[in-house]
Amino acid sequence: MAKLDPRRLPGFLAAPDPACRVVLLHGEDAGLVRERAEALVAAVIGRDDPFRLAELPREAAARPGVLAGEMAALALTGGRRVVRVRDAVDGLAGAVKEALAGPGEALLVLEAGELPARAKLRALLEPAQGAAVIPCYRERGAELAGSIARLLREAGVTAEPAALDWLAARLGEDRMLLRREVEKLALYAGPGGQLNEEDVLACAGEGSTLDLDEALIAATAGDIPAADRALDAAFSEGASPVMVLRAALRHVQRLHLAALAMSAGQPAGQAMDALRPPVFFRLKPGFERALRLWPPHQLAAAGDALLEAEKLSKSGSAARPIPDRVVAQTAVLTLARQALARQRRG
C-alpha cells in the first residue's frame, strides 16, 4: 500500500483504507499537500469534531510516547480519530516508527515538504505495511486541466475544453492560488453555468498571468517597450522571478514546436492550432509574429539560455548579489533584443 498507484488516489482520499494507519504527504506543492491532508481529515471525521482530531506541533510529536499515545487514544464520541502533524521532517522518524508499531485505529497524517528518496520518513514508510506515501508535485497539462474541471464540478460549474486548457497553462504554479481562481470563476458563472475562453479571460485573466503572457509575446516579437511594461505589471501583481523564467521557457518551447512544424511544411495557423493547450485567441497575432522571426535552432538556444537563467536565480549567495528579479527581467528582455535584431535584418 505504501507507494499508492496514482489511479487509486482519488478513491483513497475519499475513503482511506481502514488498514492504513499512516499517510505521508510530501512534495514541492505545499498547497496540494494541504488540500489532500484536508481531504483525508474530512473523509475520516466527516465534520468538525474536536474529539476526533488532534493537531500536534512538530516539536511535541517528536517527543517519545506522545505520537504513539495519540494514535492509541479513543474518541469520546466514538469513531476513528485523525492525528495531524504539519511540517513533518526526518526528526520525527523515531516517533512515527513507535506509533506505527503500537496499538490504535487512528489515522496519522504527516504533511512534509520535498523529501529526497533517502529521507528517513520515506525510507521508513514506503516499505511499511499500514502506511501510504503520496508525492504531491505540481500538476501540469491534461492532469491539471482534469483537476480544474473537478473543482469546478464540485462548485456546480462546467467549462469548455479550451477554457480548461487556458487555465491549466496559467494557474499551475500554486495550488492555493488555483483554488481561489476556481472559486472566483464559480461565482462568476453561477450555479449550473458553463465557462468559455472569453469568460475565463474576463474573470481569471487579470493580473500577473495575463501581463506575463503579454510580456513574453511582446518579447519574442521584438517589442521591447511593451515587453518591459507588461513584465513590470506582472511583477507588481505578484509574479515571482522563477514563475517568469518558467513561463518564458514554456513559451519558447511552444514556439519551438510550432517552428519545427512550419519547417516541415505546415502553415503557421495550423502549427499554432496543433499546440496543446492551443494558443489563446487574443494572443494569436503576437504569437504568429514571433513565430515568423525565430528559426527552430535559435529557439532551442534561447531555451538553453532560460534554463541557465533559472539555475542562476536559484543559486543566490553573497558571492552573487544580483537580485532574482533582475536575472528574470534580463533574460526576458534579452529575448526581446534578439527578436528586434532579427526583425531589423528582415
C-alpha atoms as a PDB file:
ATOM      1  CA  MET A   1       0.000   0.000   0.000  1.00  0.00           C
ATOM      2  CA  ALA A   2       2.903   2.372   0.717  1.00  0.00           C
ATOM      3  CA  LYS A   3       3.510   3.572  -2.846  1.00  0.00           C
ATOM      4  CA  LEU A   4      -0.019   4.389  -3.852  1.00  0.00           C
ATOM      5  CA  ASP A   5      -0.955   3.943  -7.514  1.00  0.00           C
ATOM      6  CA  PRO A   6      -1.966   7.409  -8.829  1.00  0.00           C
ATOM      7  CA  ARG A   7      -5.096   5.854 -10.340  1.00  0.00           C
ATOM      8  CA  ARG A   8      -6.225   4.834  -6.850  1.00  0.00           C
ATOM      9  CA  LEU A   9      -5.508   8.210  -5.276  1.00  0.00           C
ATOM     10  CA  PRO A  10      -8.922   9.919  -5.714  1.00  0.00           C
ATOM     11  CA  GLY A  11     -10.700   6.907  -4.201  1.00  0.00           C
ATOM     12  CA  PHE A  12      -8.190   6.662  -1.353  1.00  0.00           C
ATOM     13  CA  LEU A  13      -8.555  10.343  -0.464  1.00  0.00           C
ATOM     14  CA  ALA A  14     -12.345   9.999  -0.441  1.00  0.00           C
ATOM     15  CA  ALA A  15     -12.326   6.800   1.631  1.00  0.00           C
ATOM     16  CA  PRO A  16      -8.966   5.870   3.203  1.00  0.00           C
ATOM     17  CA  ASP A  17      -8.382   2.160   3.730  1.00  0.00           C
ATOM     18  CA  PRO A  18      -9.101   1.362   7.409  1.00  0.00           C
ATOM     19  CA  ALA A  19      -5.930  -0.773   7.407  1.00  0.00           C
ATOM     20  CA  CYS A  20      -3.860   2.317   6.615  1.00  0.00           C
ATOM     21  CA  ARG A  21      -2.636   3.973   9.826  1.00  0.00           C
ATOM     22  CA  VAL A  22      -0.088   6.496   8.499  1.00  0.00           C
ATOM     23  CA  VAL A  23      -0.186   8.705   5.413  1.00  0.00           C
ATOM     24  CA  LEU A  24       2.866  10.754   4.428  1.00  0.00           C
ATOM     25  CA  LEU A  25       2.130  13.609   2.014  1.00  0.00           C
ATOM     26  CA  HIS A  26       5.256  15.245   0.611  1.00  0.00           C
ATOM     27  CA  GLY A  27       6.375  17.345  -2.333  1.00  0.00           C
ATOM     28  CA  GLU A  28       7.036  20.770  -3.766  1.00  0.00           C
ATOM     29  CA  ASP A  29       3.393  21.872  -3.905  1.00  0.00           C
ATOM     30  CA  ALA A  30       2.529  22.882  -0.338  1.00  0.00           C
ATOM     31  CA  GLY A  31      -0.989  23.819  -1.403  1.00  0.00           C
ATOM     32  CA  LEU A  32      -1.623  20.357  -2.823  1.00  0.00           C
ATOM     33  CA  VAL A  33      -0.175  18.720   0.319  1.00  0.00           C
ATOM     34  CA  ARG A  34      -2.594  20.722   2.448  1.00  0.00           C
ATOM     35  CA  GLU A  35      -5.543  20.071   0.130  1.00  0.00           C
ATOM     36  CA  ARG A  36      -5.014  16.317   0.240  1.00  0.00           C
ATOM     37  CA  ALA A  37      -4.485  16.336   4.008  1.00  0.00           C
ATOM     38  CA  GLU A  38      -7.763  18.165   4.490  1.00  0.00           C
ATOM     39  CA  ALA A  39      -9.498  15.695   2.171  1.00  0.00           C
ATOM     40  CA  LEU A  40      -8.262  12.816   4.343  1.00  0.00           C
ATOM     41  CA  VAL A  41      -9.382  14.532   7.534  1.00  0.00           C
ATOM     42  CA  ALA A  42     -12.834  15.194   6.065  1.00  0.00           C
ATOM     43  CA  ALA A  43     -13.111  11.613   4.782  1.00  0.00           C
ATOM     44  CA  VAL A  44     -12.390  10.119   8.226  1.00  0.00           C
ATOM     45  CA  ILE A  45     -14.130  12.603  10.507  1.00  0.00           C
ATOM     46  CA  GLY A  46     -16.855  13.807   8.181  1.00  0.00           C
ATOM     47  CA  ARG A  47     -17.426  17.004  10.180  1.00  0.00           C
ATOM     48  CA  ASP A  48     -15.688  19.319  12.606  1.00  0.00           C
ATOM     49  CA  ASP A  49     -15.283  17.148  15.708  1.00  0.00           C
ATOM     50  CA  PRO A  50     -12.576  18.301  18.148  1.00  0.00           C
ATOM     51  CA  PHE A  51     -12.775  14.965  19.967  1.00  0.00           C
ATOM     52  CA  ARG A  52     -11.684  13.093  16.837  1.00  0.00           C
ATOM     53  CA  LEU A  53      -8.956  15.418  15.547  1.00  0.00           C
ATOM     54  CA  ALA A  54      -5.623  16.033  17.246  1.00  0.00           C
ATOM     55  CA  GLU A  55      -3.257  18.552  15.601  1.00  0.00           C
ATOM     56  CA  LEU A  56       0.199  18.191  17.115  1.00  0.00           C
ATOM     57  CA  PRO A  57       3.047  20.679  16.738  1.00  0.00           C
ATOM     58  CA  ARG A  58       6.100  19.011  15.225  1.00  0.00           C
ATOM     59  CA  GLU A  59       8.177  19.528  18.359  1.00  0.00           C
ATOM     60  CA  ALA A  60       5.543  17.858  20.566  1.00  0.00           C
ATOM     61  CA  ALA A  61       5.087  14.963  18.135  1.00  0.00           C
ATOM     62  CA  ALA A  62       8.822  14.222  18.242  1.00  0.00           C
ATOM     63  CA  ARG A  63       8.825  13.553  21.999  1.00  0.00           C
ATOM     64  CA  PRO A  64       8.921   9.851  22.946  1.00  0.00           C
ATOM     65  CA  GLY A  65       5.476   8.382  23.547  1.00  0.00           C
ATOM     66  CA  VAL A  66       3.431  11.448  22.518  1.00  0.00           C
ATOM     67  CA  LEU A  67       2.563  10.356  18.986  1.00  0.00           C
ATOM     68  CA  ALA A  68       2.039   6.732  19.973  1.00  0.00           C
ATOM     69  CA  GLY A  69      -0.257   7.868  22.796  1.00  0.00           C
ATOM     70  CA  GLU A  70      -2.387   9.972  20.463  1.00  0.00           C
ATOM     71  CA  MET A  71      -2.589   7.108  17.968  1.00  0.00           C
ATOM     72  CA  ALA A  72      -3.821   4.746  20.685  1.00  0.00           C
ATOM     73  CA  ALA A  73      -6.358   7.141  22.227  1.00  0.00           C
ATOM     74  CA  LEU A  74     -10.089   6.620  21.699  1.00  0.00           C
ATOM     75  CA  ALA A  75     -12.538   9.371  20.747  1.00  0.00           C
ATOM     76  CA  LEU A  76     -15.055  10.306  23.428  1.00  0.00           C
ATOM     77  CA  THR A  77     -17.785  10.479  20.795  1.00  0.00           C
ATOM     78  CA  GLY A  78     -16.768   7.246  19.068  1.00  0.00           C
ATOM     79  CA  GLY A  79     -15.435   6.770  15.558  1.00  0.00           C
ATOM     80  CA  ARG A  80     -11.954   6.864  14.098  1.00  0.00           C
ATOM     81  CA  ARG A  81      -9.616   9.683  15.102  1.00  0.00           C
ATOM     82  CA  VAL A  82      -7.124  11.640  12.991  1.00  0.00           C
ATOM     83  CA  VAL A  83      -3.743  12.812  14.251  1.00  0.00           C
ATOM     84  CA  ARG A  84      -2.297  15.558  12.034  1.00  0.00           C
ATOM     85  CA  VAL A  85       1.301  16.837  12.042  1.00  0.00           C
ATOM     86  CA  ARG A  86       2.314  19.657   9.720  1.00  0.00           C
ATOM     87  CA  ASP A  87       5.856  20.489   8.570  1.00  0.00           C
ATOM     88  CA  ALA A  88       6.982  16.915   9.201  1.00  0.00           C
ATOM     89  CA  VAL A  89      10.735  16.280   8.997  1.00  0.00           C
ATOM     90  CA  ASP A  90      13.077  13.308   9.368  1.00  0.00           C
ATOM     91  CA  GLY A  91      13.466  14.068  13.056  1.00  0.00           C
ATOM     92  CA  LEU A  92      10.006  12.514  13.529  1.00  0.00           C
ATOM     93  CA  ALA A  93      11.022   9.139  12.110  1.00  0.00           C
ATOM     94  CA  GLY A  94      11.620   7.535  15.526  1.00  0.00           C
ATOM     95  CA  ALA A  95       8.289   8.731  16.918  1.00  0.00           C
ATOM     96  CA  VAL A  96       6.443   7.602  13.769  1.00  0.00           C
ATOM     97  CA  LYS A  97       8.059   4.156  13.936  1.00  0.00           C
ATOM     98  CA  GLU A  98       6.997   3.841  17.592  1.00  0.00           C
ATOM     99  CA  ALA A  99       3.423   4.913  16.766  1.00  0.00           C
ATOM    100  CA  LEU A 100       3.163   2.542  13.796  1.00  0.00           C
ATOM    101  CA  ALA A 101       4.298  -0.383  15.972  1.00  0.00           C
ATOM    102  CA  GLY A 102       1.831   0.476  18.754  1.00  0.00           C
ATOM    103  CA  PRO A 103      -1.927  -0.073  19.082  1.00  0.00           C
ATOM    104  CA  GLY A 104      -4.753   2.155  17.899  1.00  0.00           C
ATOM    105  CA  GLU A 105      -7.045   2.753  14.919  1.00  0.00           C
ATOM    106  CA  ALA A 106      -6.330   6.455  14.435  1.00  0.00           C
ATOM    107  CA  LEU A 107      -5.020   7.760  11.106  1.00  0.00           C
ATOM    108  CA  LEU A 108      -1.777   9.716  11.308  1.00  0.00           C
ATOM    109  CA  VAL A 109      -1.482  12.362   8.563  1.00  0.00           C
ATOM    110  CA  LEU A 110       2.026  13.766   8.083  1.00  0.00           C
ATOM    111  CA  GLU A 111       2.470  16.841   5.879  1.00  0.00           C
ATOM    112  CA  ALA A 112       6.020  17.418   4.627  1.00  0.00           C
ATOM    113  CA  GLY A 113       7.856  19.447   2.030  1.00  0.00           C
ATOM    114  CA  GLU A 114      10.126  17.938  -0.597  1.00  0.00           C
ATOM    115  CA  LEU A 115      11.774  14.754   0.689  1.00  0.00           C
ATOM    116  CA  PRO A 116      14.584  13.001  -1.204  1.00  0.00           C
ATOM    117  CA  ALA A 117      14.304   9.259  -1.790  1.00  0.00           C
ATOM    118  CA  ARG A 118      16.796   8.610   1.035  1.00  0.00           C
ATOM    119  CA  ALA A 119      14.855  10.681   3.587  1.00  0.00           C
ATOM    120  CA  LYS A 120      14.248   8.788   6.836  1.00  0.00           C
ATOM    121  CA  LEU A 121      10.483   9.219   6.739  1.00  0.00           C
ATOM    122  CA  ARG A 122      10.252   7.835   3.207  1.00  0.00           C
ATOM    123  CA  ALA A 123      12.688   5.018   3.967  1.00  0.00           C
ATOM    124  CA  LEU A 124      10.568   4.080   6.989  1.00  0.00           C
ATOM    125  CA  LEU A 125       7.106   4.310   5.442  1.00  0.00           C
ATOM    126  CA  GLU A 126       7.475   3.294   1.795  1.00  0.00           C
ATOM    127  CA  PRO A 127       8.066  -0.387   2.632  1.00  0.00           C
ATOM    128  CA  ALA A 128       5.784  -0.395   5.709  1.00  0.00           C
ATOM    129  CA  GLN A 129       2.504  -2.247   5.996  1.00  0.00           C
ATOM    130  CA  GLY A 130      -0.274   0.073   7.084  1.00  0.00           C
ATOM    131  CA  ALA A 131       1.331   3.171   5.548  1.00  0.00           C
ATOM    132  CA  ALA A 132       0.780   5.190   2.371  1.00  0.00           C
ATOM    133  CA  VAL A 133       3.241   7.649   0.845  1.00  0.00           C
ATOM    134  CA  ILE A 134       1.745  10.215  -1.540  1.00  0.00           C
ATOM    135  CA  PRO A 135       4.001  12.585  -3.516  1.00  0.00           C
ATOM    136  CA  CYS A 136       2.441  15.984  -4.193  1.00  0.00           C
ATOM    137  CA  TYR A 137       4.063  17.548  -7.223  1.00  0.00           C
ATOM    138  CA  ARG A 138       2.648  20.354  -9.282  1.00  0.00           C
ATOM    139  CA  GLU A 139       0.165  19.103 -11.814  1.00  0.00           C
ATOM    140  CA  ARG A 140       0.529  20.211 -15.418  1.00  0.00           C
ATOM    141  CA  GLY A 141      -1.176  19.809 -18.747  1.00  0.00           C
ATOM    142  CA  ALA A 142      -4.059  17.356 -19.002  1.00  0.00           C
ATOM    143  CA  GLU A 143      -3.712  16.284 -15.360  1.00  0.00           C
ATOM    144  CA  LEU A 144      -4.093  19.876 -14.143  1.00  0.00           C
ATOM    145  CA  ALA A 145      -6.969  20.553 -16.541  1.00  0.00           C
ATOM    146  CA  GLY A 146      -8.720  17.494 -15.094  1.00  0.00           C
ATOM    147  CA  SER A 147      -8.270  18.784 -11.560  1.00  0.00           C
ATOM    148  CA  ILE A 148      -9.632  22.205 -12.515  1.00  0.00           C
ATOM    149  CA  ALA A 149     -12.650  20.558 -14.143  1.00  0.00           C
ATOM    150  CA  ARG A 150     -13.236  18.513 -10.976  1.00  0.00           C
ATOM    151  CA  LEU A 151     -13.007  21.565  -8.705  1.00  0.00           C
ATOM    152  CA  LEU A 152     -15.433  23.442 -10.943  1.00  0.00           C
ATOM    153  CA  ARG A 153     -17.861  20.500 -10.947  1.00  0.00           C
ATOM    154  CA  GLU A 154     -17.761  20.443  -7.158  1.00  0.00           C
ATOM    155  CA  ALA A 155     -18.875  24.084  -7.293  1.00  0.00           C
ATOM    156  CA  GLY A 156     -21.666  23.258  -9.768  1.00  0.00           C
ATOM    157  CA  VAL A 157     -19.951  24.754 -12.836  1.00  0.00           C
ATOM    158  CA  THR A 158     -18.566  23.318 -16.090  1.00  0.00           C
ATOM    159  CA  ALA A 159     -16.050  24.722 -18.587  1.00  0.00           C
ATOM    160  CA  GLU A 160     -15.332  24.219 -22.272  1.00  0.00           C
ATOM    161  CA  PRO A 161     -12.106  22.280 -23.059  1.00  0.00           C
ATOM    162  CA  ALA A 162     -10.391  25.377 -24.481  1.00  0.00           C
ATOM    163  CA  ALA A 163     -11.138  27.318 -21.288  1.00  0.00           C
ATOM    164  CA  LEU A 164      -9.736  24.477 -19.168  1.00  0.00           C
ATOM    165  CA  ASP A 165      -6.582  24.381 -21.316  1.00  0.00           C
ATOM    166  CA  TRP A 166      -6.114  28.134 -20.869  1.00  0.00           C
ATOM    167  CA  LEU A 167      -6.485  27.862 -17.103  1.00  0.00           C
ATOM    168  CA  ALA A 168      -4.181  24.843 -16.882  1.00  0.00           C
ATOM    169  CA  ALA A 169      -1.456  26.697 -18.772  1.00  0.00           C
ATOM    170  CA  ARG A 170      -1.571  29.645 -16.371  1.00  0.00           C
ATOM    171  CA  LEU A 171      -2.652  28.517 -12.917  1.00  0.00           C
ATOM    172  CA  GLY A 172      -0.399  25.526 -12.269  1.00  0.00           C
ATOM    173  CA  GLU A 173       2.273  27.115 -10.106  1.00  0.00           C
ATOM    174  CA  ASP A 174       0.358  27.408  -6.848  1.00  0.00           C
ATOM    175  CA  ARG A 175      -2.465  25.158  -5.656  1.00  0.00           C
ATOM    176  CA  MET A 176      -3.902  27.713  -3.239  1.00  0.00           C
ATOM    177  CA  LEU A 177      -3.975  30.346  -5.980  1.00  0.00           C
ATOM    178  CA  LEU A 178      -5.673  27.807  -8.230  1.00  0.00           C
ATOM    179  CA  ARG A 179      -8.426  27.207  -5.664  1.00  0.00           C
ATOM    180  CA  ARG A 180      -9.019  30.950  -5.238  1.00  0.00           C
ATOM    181  CA  GLU A 181      -9.304  31.392  -9.005  1.00  0.00           C
ATOM    182  CA  VAL A 182     -11.714  28.450  -9.288  1.00  0.00           C
ATOM    183  CA  GLU A 183     -13.880  29.924  -6.528  1.00  0.00           C
ATOM    184  CA  LYS A 184     -13.915  33.257  -8.374  1.00  0.00           C
ATOM    185  CA  LEU A 185     -14.858  31.533 -11.635  1.00  0.00           C
ATOM    186  CA  ALA A 186     -17.664  29.594  -9.950  1.00  0.00           C
ATOM    187  CA  LEU A 187     -19.138  32.820  -8.571  1.00  0.00           C
ATOM    188  CA  TYR A 188     -18.812  34.436 -11.992  1.00  0.00           C
ATOM    189  CA  ALA A 189     -20.592  31.579 -13.799  1.00  0.00           C
ATOM    190  CA  GLY A 190     -23.234  30.935 -11.147  1.00  0.00           C
ATOM    191  CA  PRO A 191     -24.787  27.537 -10.310  1.00  0.00           C
ATOM    192  CA  GLY A 192     -25.128  25.403 -13.422  1.00  0.00           C
ATOM    193  CA  GLY A 193     -23.124  27.838 -15.551  1.00  0.00           C
ATOM    194  CA  GLN A 194     -20.629  26.977 -18.269  1.00  0.00           C
ATOM    195  CA  LEU A 195     -17.393  28.898 -18.843  1.00  0.00           C
ATOM    196  CA  ASN A 196     -15.800  29.600 -22.225  1.00  0.00           C
ATOM    197  CA  GLU A 197     -12.477  31.222 -23.184  1.00  0.00           C
ATOM    198  CA  GLU A 198     -13.843  34.752 -23.026  1.00  0.00           C
ATOM    199  CA  ASP A 199     -15.307  34.090 -19.574  1.00  0.00           C
ATOM    200  CA  VAL A 200     -12.020  32.910 -18.096  1.00  0.00           C
ATOM    201  CA  LEU A 201     -10.184  35.837 -19.663  1.00  0.00           C
ATOM    202  CA  ALA A 202     -12.711  38.273 -18.181  1.00  0.00           C
ATOM    203  CA  CYS A 203     -12.577  36.670 -14.758  1.00  0.00           C
ATOM    204  CA  ALA A 204      -9.206  34.972 -14.270  1.00  0.00           C
ATOM    205  CA  GLY A 205      -7.195  36.695 -16.990  1.00  0.00           C
ATOM    206  CA  GLU A 206      -6.466  39.798 -14.959  1.00  0.00           C
ATOM    207  CA  GLY A 207      -3.226  40.370 -13.116  1.00  0.00           C
ATOM    208  CA  SER A 208       0.118  38.661 -13.349  1.00  0.00           C
ATOM    209  CA  THR A 209      -0.785  35.711 -15.597  1.00  0.00           C
ATOM    210  CA  LEU A 210      -2.130  37.798 -18.467  1.00  0.00           C
ATOM    211  CA  ASP A 211       0.514  40.506 -18.008  1.00  0.00           C
ATOM    212  CA  LEU A 212       3.183  37.807 -18.159  1.00  0.00           C
ATOM    213  CA  ASP A 213       1.705  36.274 -21.324  1.00  0.00           C
ATOM    214  CA  GLU A 214       1.699  39.678 -22.966  1.00  0.00           C
ATOM    215  CA  ALA A 215       5.279  40.359 -21.849  1.00  0.00           C
ATOM    216  CA  LEU A 216       6.524  37.102 -23.359  1.00  0.00           C
ATOM    217  CA  ILE A 217       4.609  37.537 -26.621  1.00  0.00           C
ATOM    218  CA  ALA A 218       5.938  41.098 -26.937  1.00  0.00           C
ATOM    219  CA  ALA A 219       9.484  39.975 -26.113  1.00  0.00           C
ATOM    220  CA  THR A 220       9.647  37.223 -28.709  1.00  0.00           C
ATOM    221  CA  ALA A 221       8.020  39.554 -31.269  1.00  0.00           C
ATOM    222  CA  GLY A 222      10.730  42.175 -30.683  1.00  0.00           C
ATOM    223  CA  ASP A 223       8.600  44.834 -28.933  1.00  0.00           C
ATOM    224  CA  ILE A 224      10.970  45.852 -26.120  1.00  0.00           C
ATOM    225  CA  PRO A 225       8.892  48.719 -24.592  1.00  0.00           C
ATOM    226  CA  ALA A 226       5.703  46.601 -24.468  1.00  0.00           C
ATOM    227  CA  ALA A 227       7.599  43.646 -23.004  1.00  0.00           C
ATOM    228  CA  ASP A 228       9.171  45.846 -20.320  1.00  0.00           C
ATOM    229  CA  ARG A 229       5.828  47.436 -19.341  1.00  0.00           C
ATOM    230  CA  ALA A 230       3.976  44.117 -19.186  1.00  0.00           C
ATOM    231  CA  LEU A 231       6.786  42.476 -17.227  1.00  0.00           C
ATOM    232  CA  ASP A 232       6.762  45.292 -14.652  1.00  0.00           C
ATOM    233  CA  ALA A 233       2.994  44.883 -14.356  1.00  0.00           C
ATOM    234  CA  ALA A 234       3.352  41.114 -13.843  1.00  0.00           C
ATOM    235  CA  PHE A 235       5.901  41.633 -11.064  1.00  0.00           C
ATOM    236  CA  SER A 236       3.711  44.245  -9.396  1.00  0.00           C
ATOM    237  CA  GLU A 237       0.798  41.785  -9.475  1.00  0.00           C
ATOM    238  CA  GLY A 238       2.859  39.169  -7.639  1.00  0.00           C
ATOM    239  CA  ALA A 239       4.663  37.142 -10.302  1.00  0.00           C
ATOM    240  CA  SER A 240       7.864  35.629  -8.892  1.00  0.00           C
ATOM    241  CA  PRO A 241      11.175  35.547 -10.823  1.00  0.00           C
ATOM    242  CA  VAL A 242      11.068  31.731 -11.046  1.00  0.00           C
ATOM    243  CA  MET A 243       7.473  31.891 -12.303  1.00  0.00           C
ATOM    244  CA  VAL A 244       8.571  34.365 -15.012  1.00  0.00           C
ATOM    245  CA  LEU A 245      11.512  32.214 -16.104  1.00  0.00           C
ATOM    246  CA  ARG A 246       9.467  29.010 -16.219  1.00  0.00           C
ATOM    247  CA  ALA A 247       6.707  30.739 -18.168  1.00  0.00           C
ATOM    248  CA  ALA A 248       9.313  32.120 -20.593  1.00  0.00           C
ATOM    249  CA  LEU A 249      10.766  28.653 -21.088  1.00  0.00           C
ATOM    250  CA  ARG A 250       7.314  27.147 -21.745  1.00  0.00           C
ATOM    251  CA  HIS A 251       6.573  29.923 -24.243  1.00  0.00           C
ATOM    252  CA  VAL A 252       9.857  29.388 -26.101  1.00  0.00           C
ATOM    253  CA  GLN A 253       9.303  25.603 -26.124  1.00  0.00           C
ATOM    254  CA  ARG A 254       5.862  26.098 -27.660  1.00  0.00           C
ATOM    255  CA  LEU A 255       7.312  28.425 -30.276  1.00  0.00           C
ATOM    256  CA  HIS A 256       9.967  25.795 -30.979  1.00  0.00           C
ATOM    257  CA  LEU A 257       7.352  23.068 -31.539  1.00  0.00           C
ATOM    258  CA  ALA A 258       5.382  25.308 -33.897  1.00  0.00           C
ATOM    259  CA  ALA A 259       8.561  26.389 -35.722  1.00  0.00           C
ATOM    260  CA  LEU A 260       9.523  22.745 -36.276  1.00  0.00           C
ATOM    261  CA  ALA A 261       6.062  22.083 -37.728  1.00  0.00           C
ATOM    262  CA  MET A 262       6.433  25.080 -40.056  1.00  0.00           C
ATOM    263  CA  SER A 263       9.870  23.909 -41.188  1.00  0.00           C
ATOM    264  CA  ALA A 264       8.192  20.603 -42.107  1.00  0.00           C
ATOM    265  CA  GLY A 265       5.763  22.481 -44.381  1.00  0.00           C
ATOM    266  CA  GLN A 266       2.792  23.293 -42.125  1.00  0.00           C
ATOM    267  CA  PRO A 267       1.231  26.775 -42.389  1.00  0.00           C
ATOM    268  CA  ALA A 268       1.666  28.970 -39.304  1.00  0.00           C
ATOM    269  CA  GLY A 269      -2.029  28.807 -38.395  1.00  0.00           C
ATOM    270  CA  GLN A 270      -2.096  25.006 -38.426  1.00  0.00           C
ATOM    271  CA  ALA A 271       1.156  24.820 -36.482  1.00  0.00           C
ATOM    272  CA  MET A 272      -0.323  27.034 -33.749  1.00  0.00           C
ATOM    273  CA  ASP A 273      -3.647  25.189 -33.663  1.00  0.00           C
ATOM    274  CA  ALA A 274      -1.815  21.887 -33.170  1.00  0.00           C
ATOM    275  CA  LEU A 275      -0.238  23.064 -29.890  1.00  0.00           C
ATOM    276  CA  ARG A 276      -1.698  21.790 -26.621  1.00  0.00           C
ATOM    277  CA  PRO A 277      -3.025  23.811 -24.998  1.00  0.00           C
ATOM    278  CA  PRO A 278      -3.827  25.856 -28.106  1.00  0.00           C
ATOM    279  CA  VAL A 279      -2.696  29.474 -28.334  1.00  0.00           C
ATOM    280  CA  PHE A 280      -5.283  31.720 -26.675  1.00  0.00           C
ATOM    281  CA  PHE A 281      -7.253  33.592 -29.349  1.00  0.00           C
ATOM    282  CA  ARG A 282      -6.297  37.043 -28.063  1.00  0.00           C
ATOM    283  CA  LEU A 283      -2.573  36.205 -28.248  1.00  0.00           C
ATOM    284  CA  LYS A 284      -2.516  34.549 -31.687  1.00  0.00           C
ATOM    285  CA  PRO A 285      -1.398  37.606 -33.728  1.00  0.00           C
ATOM    286  CA  GLY A 286       1.624  38.246 -31.495  1.00  0.00           C
ATOM    287  CA  PHE A 287       2.476  34.547 -31.346  1.00  0.00           C
ATOM    288  CA  GLU A 288       2.440  34.325 -35.139  1.00  0.00           C
ATOM    289  CA  ARG A 289       4.668  37.414 -35.468  1.00  0.00           C
ATOM    290  CA  ALA A 290       7.166  35.813 -33.088  1.00  0.00           C
ATOM    291  CA  LEU A 291       6.938  32.502 -34.903  1.00  0.00           C
ATOM    292  CA  ARG A 292       7.953  34.099 -38.191  1.00  0.00           C
ATOM    293  CA  LEU A 293      11.024  35.713 -36.576  1.00  0.00           C
ATOM    294  CA  TRP A 294      12.625  32.703 -34.887  1.00  0.00           C
ATOM    295  CA  PRO A 295      14.076  29.624 -36.642  1.00  0.00           C
ATOM    296  CA  PRO A 296      13.995  26.365 -34.639  1.00  0.00           C
ATOM    297  CA  HIS A 297      17.721  26.232 -33.830  1.00  0.00           C
ATOM    298  CA  GLN A 298      17.671  29.746 -32.346  1.00  0.00           C
ATOM    299  CA  LEU A 299      14.615  28.915 -30.224  1.00  0.00           C
ATOM    300  CA  ALA A 300      16.467  25.855 -28.921  1.00  0.00           C
ATOM    301  CA  ALA A 301      19.396  28.094 -27.952  1.00  0.00           C
ATOM    302  CA  ALA A 302      17.009  30.560 -26.275  1.00  0.00           C
ATOM    303  CA  GLY A 303      15.540  27.701 -24.252  1.00  0.00           C
ATOM    304  CA  ASP A 304      19.014  26.663 -23.067  1.00  0.00           C
ATOM    305  CA  ALA A 305      19.723  30.263 -22.013  1.00  0.00           C
ATOM    306  CA  LEU A 306      16.491  30.390 -19.992  1.00  0.00           C
ATOM    307  CA  LEU A 307      17.387  27.150 -18.216  1.00  0.00           C
ATOM    308  CA  GLU A 308      20.719  28.681 -17.223  1.00  0.00           C
ATOM    309  CA  ALA A 309      18.938  31.819 -16.011  1.00  0.00           C
ATOM    310  CA  GLU A 310      16.645  29.720 -13.809  1.00  0.00           C
ATOM    311  CA  LYS A 311      19.661  27.946 -12.305  1.00  0.00           C
ATOM    312  CA  LEU A 312      21.263  31.321 -11.637  1.00  0.00           C
ATOM    313  CA  SER A 313      18.108  32.632  -9.964  1.00  0.00           C
ATOM    314  CA  LYS A 314      18.147  29.665  -7.555  1.00  0.00           C
ATOM    315  CA  SER A 315      21.805  29.960  -6.588  1.00  0.00           C
ATOM    316  CA  GLY A 316      21.647  33.183  -4.598  1.00  0.00           C
ATOM    317  CA  SER A 317      24.562  33.885  -2.259  1.00  0.00           C
ATOM    318  CA  ALA A 318      26.769  36.697  -1.047  1.00  0.00           C
ATOM    319  CA  ALA A 319      29.036  35.888  -3.986  1.00  0.00           C
ATOM    320  CA  ARG A 320      26.151  36.599  -6.406  1.00  0.00           C
ATOM    321  CA  PRO A 321      24.446  39.792  -5.266  1.00  0.00           C
ATOM    322  CA  ILE A 322      22.245  40.023  -8.379  1.00  0.00           C
ATOM    323  CA  PRO A 323      18.550  40.037  -7.356  1.00  0.00           C
ATOM    324  CA  ASP A 324      16.447  37.203  -8.811  1.00  0.00           C
ATOM    325  CA  ARG A 325      14.088  39.728 -10.371  1.00  0.00           C
ATOM    326  CA  VAL A 326      16.973  41.266 -12.311  1.00  0.00           C
ATOM    327  CA  VAL A 327      18.002  37.815 -13.571  1.00  0.00           C
ATOM    328  CA  ALA A 328      14.470  37.138 -14.835  1.00  0.00           C
ATOM    329  CA  GLN A 329      13.984  40.592 -16.314  1.00  0.00           C
ATOM    330  CA  THR A 330      17.338  40.444 -18.113  1.00  0.00           C
ATOM    331  CA  ALA A 331      16.515  37.014 -19.577  1.00  0.00           C
ATOM    332  CA  VAL A 332      13.163  38.177 -20.984  1.00  0.00           C
ATOM    333  CA  LEU A 333      14.496  41.461 -22.355  1.00  0.00           C
ATOM    334  CA  THR A 334      17.409  39.587 -23.959  1.00  0.00           C
ATOM    335  CA  LEU A 335      14.796  37.640 -25.933  1.00  0.00           C
ATOM    336  CA  ALA A 336      13.237  40.948 -26.965  1.00  0.00           C
ATOM    337  CA  ARG A 337      16.564  42.394 -28.132  1.00  0.00           C
ATOM    338  CA  GLN A 338      17.360  39.243 -30.116  1.00  0.00           C
ATOM    339  CA  ALA A 339      13.922  39.331 -31.765  1.00  0.00           C
ATOM    340  CA  LEU A 340      14.283  43.019 -32.609  1.00  0.00           C
ATOM    341  CA  ALA A 341      17.682  42.366 -34.204  1.00  0.00           C
ATOM    342  CA  ARG A 342      16.115  39.645 -36.397  1.00  0.00           C
ATOM    343  CA  GLN A 343      13.272  41.984 -37.282  1.00  0.00           C
ATOM    344  CA  ARG A 344      15.703  44.683 -38.437  1.00  0.00           C
ATOM    345  CA  ARG A 345      17.674  42.201 -40.512  1.00  0.00           C
ATOM    346  CA  GLY A 346      14.432  41.412 -42.290  1.00  0.00           C
END
